[in-house]
Protein backbone atom coordinates (compact mmCIF):
# COMPACT_ATOMS: atom_id res chain seq x y z
CA MET A 1 -26.55 17.83 24.94
CA ASN A 2 -26.49 14.36 26.77
CA ASN A 3 -30.15 13.85 27.74
CA ILE A 4 -31.61 11.30 25.19
CA ASN A 5 -34.93 13.30 25.26
CA GLU A 6 -33.06 16.62 24.32
CA ILE A 7 -31.49 14.75 21.59
CA ARG A 8 -34.53 13.14 20.24
CA LYS A 9 -36.38 16.43 20.35
CA GLU A 10 -33.53 18.13 18.40
CA TYR A 11 -33.51 15.61 15.83
CA MET A 12 -37.37 15.71 15.49
CA ASN A 13 -37.08 19.31 14.93
CA ASN A 14 -34.03 18.91 12.41
CA PRO A 15 -33.90 15.32 11.26
CA PRO A 16 -30.43 14.17 10.18
CA LEU A 17 -29.73 13.50 6.49
CA GLY A 18 -31.65 10.41 5.43
CA TYR A 19 -34.09 10.37 8.33
CA SER A 20 -37.73 11.68 8.84
CA LYS A 21 -39.36 12.88 11.87
CA GLU A 22 -41.34 9.70 12.07
CA ASP A 23 -38.23 7.58 11.83
CA ILE A 24 -36.75 9.65 14.80
CA TYR A 25 -39.98 9.24 16.76
CA GLU A 26 -39.92 5.59 16.35
CA MET A 27 -36.44 4.81 17.06
CA SER A 28 -35.14 3.34 20.39
CA ASP A 29 -32.86 5.36 22.65
CA GLU A 30 -29.97 3.15 21.53
CA GLU A 31 -30.58 3.97 17.92
CA ILE A 32 -30.78 7.77 18.67
CA LEU A 33 -27.45 7.60 20.58
CA ARG A 34 -25.88 5.63 17.70
CA ILE A 35 -26.84 8.47 15.25
CA TYR A 36 -25.72 11.06 17.85
CA ASP A 37 -22.41 9.25 18.16
CA SER A 38 -21.93 9.18 14.54
CA MET A 39 -22.54 12.76 13.99
CA SER A 40 -20.24 13.82 16.82
CA GLU A 41 -17.70 16.43 15.62
CA SER A 42 -14.92 14.15 16.86
CA VAL A 43 -15.85 11.48 13.98
CA LYS A 44 -13.82 11.96 10.88
CA ARG A 45 -15.91 12.43 7.82
CA ILE A 46 -15.45 11.76 4.14
CA GLU A 47 -16.76 14.50 1.92
CA TYR A 48 -19.07 13.11 -0.94
CA LYS A 49 -20.40 15.02 -4.04
CA CYS A 50 -23.27 14.09 -6.22
CA ARG A 51 -22.30 13.87 -9.82
CA SER A 52 -25.66 14.72 -11.04
CA CYS A 53 -26.69 17.71 -8.83
CA GLY A 54 -23.60 18.72 -7.18
CA TYR A 55 -25.00 18.17 -3.66
CA ILE A 56 -22.20 17.75 -1.01
CA CYS A 57 -22.46 15.79 2.19
CA HIS A 58 -20.19 14.39 4.88
CA ILE A 59 -20.19 10.63 5.55
CA PRO A 60 -18.61 9.35 8.69
CA GLU A 61 -15.36 7.75 7.76
CA HIS A 62 -16.13 4.33 9.70
CA MET A 63 -19.30 3.94 7.63
CA VAL A 64 -17.40 4.50 4.32
CA ILE A 65 -14.76 2.06 5.47
CA LYS A 66 -17.26 -0.63 6.43
CA PHE A 67 -18.97 -0.31 2.98
CA ASP A 68 -15.73 -0.49 1.37
CA GLU A 69 -14.66 -3.63 3.28
CA MET A 70 -17.99 -5.16 2.43
CA PHE A 71 -18.59 -4.25 -1.22
CA GLY A 72 -15.43 -2.36 -2.26
CA ASP A 73 -13.59 -2.66 -5.57
CA THR A 74 -10.14 -1.50 -6.55
CA SER A 75 -11.53 0.24 -9.65
CA PHE A 76 -14.17 2.22 -7.90
CA PRO A 77 -14.63 4.00 -4.61
CA PRO A 78 -17.62 3.36 -2.23
CA LYS A 79 -20.54 5.32 -3.63
CA PHE A 80 -24.05 6.11 -2.44
CA SER A 81 -27.29 7.31 -3.67
CA CYS A 82 -27.89 10.98 -3.64
CA SER A 83 -30.53 12.01 -1.01
CA LYS A 84 -31.36 15.30 -2.93
CA CYS A 85 -31.95 14.13 -6.56
CA PRO A 86 -33.71 10.87 -7.91
CA ILE A 87 -30.88 9.89 -10.15
CA GLY A 88 -27.68 11.00 -8.53
CA THR A 89 -24.78 9.11 -7.24
CA MET A 90 -22.49 10.35 -4.57
CA TYR A 91 -18.71 9.85 -5.11
CA PRO A 92 -15.97 10.86 -2.54
CA ILE A 93 -14.13 14.10 -3.35
CA TYR A 94 -10.98 12.29 -2.05
CA TYR A 95 -10.69 8.85 -0.43
CA LYS A 96 -7.84 6.50 0.17
CA GLY A 97 -9.58 3.03 0.01
CA VAL A 98 -8.92 0.02 2.30
CA ARG A 99 -6.94 -1.71 -0.48
CA GLY A 100 -4.54 1.30 -0.89
CA ASN A 101 -6.17 2.90 -3.88
CA THR A 102 -6.73 6.54 -3.95
CA PHE A 103 -9.99 7.99 -5.46
CA LYS A 104 -10.57 11.74 -6.40
CA PHE A 105 -13.81 13.03 -7.51
CA GLY A 106 -14.03 13.39 -11.51
CA GLU A 107 -11.14 10.97 -12.08
């Protein structure tokens, strides 16, 4: 799938996690391609799990690393709000931070 209109149509029918049909409709071609690249199977992903509801998602490693570089802490891994429940926080199941610390879910 390399035609931008095909990609947009696919994402309109099945929006990626965190996006609505309206978001996809209003995005520029460049933004659609950025999402497509980040969702490519060749992109390494970090598995995250919500401590409240147990929902699991896979976040592109480059996004986790960027967040870790900007806001990371040696005591806590990069964490994200859960998109499935209103109170949940997503933690990595396993992640080696940019400062060398290893984090495992539940520890």
